[in-house]
Protein backbone atom coordinates (compact mmCIF):
# COMPACT_ATOMS: atom_id res chain seq x y z
CA MET A 1 82.40 111.22 299.49
CA HIS A 2 82.85 114.25 301.62
CA ILE A 3 85.49 112.52 303.78
CA ARG A 4 87.47 111.26 300.77
CA THR A 5 87.79 114.66 299.08
CA PRO A 6 89.80 116.32 301.89
CA LEU A 7 91.99 113.21 302.16
CA ILE A 8 92.64 113.19 298.42
CA LEU A 9 93.45 116.93 298.41
CA ALA A 10 95.83 116.46 301.34
CA ALA A 11 97.56 113.56 299.59
CA ILE A 12 97.91 115.57 296.37
CA ALA A 13 99.34 118.55 298.30
CA ALA A 14 101.84 116.32 300.11
CA THR A 15 102.90 114.69 296.85
CA LEU A 16 103.37 118.03 295.08
CA SER A 17 105.37 119.51 297.93
CA ALA A 18 107.72 116.52 297.82
CA CYS A 19 108.28 117.07 294.08
CA GLN A 20 109.70 120.57 294.36
CA SER A 21 113.04 120.99 292.73
CA GLU A 22 116.03 122.42 294.56
CA PRO A 23 115.90 126.17 294.99
CA ARG A 24 117.51 128.04 292.15
CA GLU A 25 120.76 129.80 292.81
CA SER A 26 120.12 133.49 292.68
CA TYR A 27 122.06 135.51 290.12
CA ARG A 28 125.14 137.10 291.59
CA PRO A 29 127.33 139.13 289.27
CA MET A 30 131.00 138.33 289.41
CA PRO A 31 133.06 140.99 291.11
CA VAL A 32 134.78 143.19 288.59
CA ALA A 33 138.23 144.56 289.24
CA GLN A 34 137.67 148.24 289.73
CA GLN A 35 139.74 150.35 287.40
CA ARG A 36 141.22 153.41 288.96
CA ILE A 37 140.21 156.70 287.49
CA GLY A 38 142.68 159.53 287.31
CA VAL A 39 146.23 159.48 288.60
CA ASP A 40 145.78 159.15 292.36
CA GLY A 41 148.06 156.43 293.66
CA ALA A 42 151.67 155.31 293.26
CA TRP A 43 153.55 155.29 289.96
CA SER A 44 157.10 154.20 289.14
CA ASP A 45 159.60 154.81 286.38
CA PRO A 46 162.10 152.27 284.96
CA ASN A 47 164.81 153.57 287.34
CA GLY A 48 162.83 152.67 290.45
CA ILE A 49 161.71 156.19 291.33
CA VAL A 50 158.21 156.22 292.83
CA SER A 51 155.86 159.16 292.33
CA THR A 52 152.78 159.43 294.50
CA PHE A 53 149.68 161.45 293.63
CA THR A 54 147.28 162.04 296.51
CA ALA A 55 144.44 164.58 296.56
CA GLY A 56 146.32 167.27 294.66
CA THR A 57 149.75 166.72 296.21
CA PHE A 58 152.69 165.12 294.46
CA SER A 59 155.93 163.58 295.74
CA THR A 60 158.76 161.54 294.29
CA ARG A 61 160.99 159.20 296.32
CA THR A 62 163.70 156.63 295.77
CA THR A 63 162.71 153.04 296.43
CA ASP A 64 165.96 152.01 298.09
CA THR A 65 166.31 154.74 300.75
CA ASN A 66 162.89 156.40 300.48
CA GLN A 67 164.69 159.74 300.00
CA LEU A 68 162.35 162.55 298.99
CA LEU A 69 163.47 163.88 295.60
CA ALA A 70 160.65 166.25 294.62
CA THR A 71 157.38 167.64 295.95
CA GLY A 72 154.59 169.65 294.45
CA THR A 73 150.97 169.85 293.48
CA TYR A 74 148.94 168.66 290.54
CA ILE A 75 145.65 169.46 288.89
CA ASN A 76 143.54 167.38 286.55
CA VAL A 77 143.22 169.52 283.42
CA THR A 78 140.95 166.87 281.88
CA ASP A 79 140.23 163.26 282.81
CA LYS A 80 143.31 162.26 280.74
CA LEU A 81 145.65 165.23 281.27
CA VAL A 82 147.43 166.23 284.48
CA GLU A 83 149.60 169.28 285.13
CA ILE A 84 152.24 168.98 287.86
CA SER A 85 154.00 171.94 289.47
CA MET A 86 157.00 170.50 291.27
CA THR A 87 160.13 171.49 293.09
CA SER A 88 163.19 169.28 292.74
CA LEU A 89 164.85 168.99 296.13
CA VAL A 90 167.97 167.56 294.48
CA ARG A 91 168.49 170.40 291.97
CA ASN A 92 166.60 173.10 293.90
CA THR A 93 164.61 173.97 290.77
CA GLN A 94 160.95 174.35 289.92
CA GLN A 95 159.29 173.04 286.80
CA LYS A 96 155.97 172.16 285.27
CA VAL A 97 155.27 168.71 283.90
CA ASN A 98 152.33 167.73 281.71
CA CYS A 99 151.28 164.09 281.83
CA ALA A 100 148.81 162.20 279.65
CA LEU A 101 147.01 159.16 281.03
CA VAL A 102 147.33 156.96 277.92
CA THR A 103 146.01 153.83 279.66
CA PRO A 104 144.79 153.31 283.23
CA SER A 105 148.29 152.04 284.04
CA GLN A 106 150.55 154.27 281.92
CA LEU A 107 151.29 157.96 282.29
CA ASN A 108 153.40 159.68 279.60
CA CYS A 109 154.96 162.94 280.80
CA THR A 110 156.82 165.89 279.28
CA THR A 111 158.67 168.52 281.33
CA ASP A 112 158.58 172.21 280.45
CA LYS A 113 162.16 171.74 279.14
CA GLY A 114 161.03 168.99 276.72
CA ALA A 115 162.31 165.91 278.56
CA GLN A 116 159.97 162.92 278.29
CA PHE A 117 159.40 159.96 280.58
CA SER A 118 156.75 157.36 281.33
CA LEU A 119 155.36 156.10 284.61
CA GLN A 120 153.64 152.78 285.30
CA ARG A 121 150.92 152.45 287.94
CA ARG A 122 152.00 150.34 290.89
CA ALA A 123 149.64 147.70 292.25
């Protein structure tokens, strides 16, 4: 009986190893589109003017000729409010503009003279 026991155990082990199911697929979360925080990046208005916010600097250019229209700086007053100090190169004037980030892709702005405009985040 001593010879049969190891043979039986070996046969059982071989049978069980053959019955293993396929390895389970490990859980991998789906990549989530990262939403941008703040205003850094490119924004455009309905007239095709593109404003770029990068690390505290601000510029506005035309899309057709890439002509620089305005430059300046900006600060994040809160996570939803930005204050821009800009110089118009076209009019040779300076002004402040307050912008509210109403959605991650829409920026509503008001100049210190009361003019309002909206910008849409560019992809």
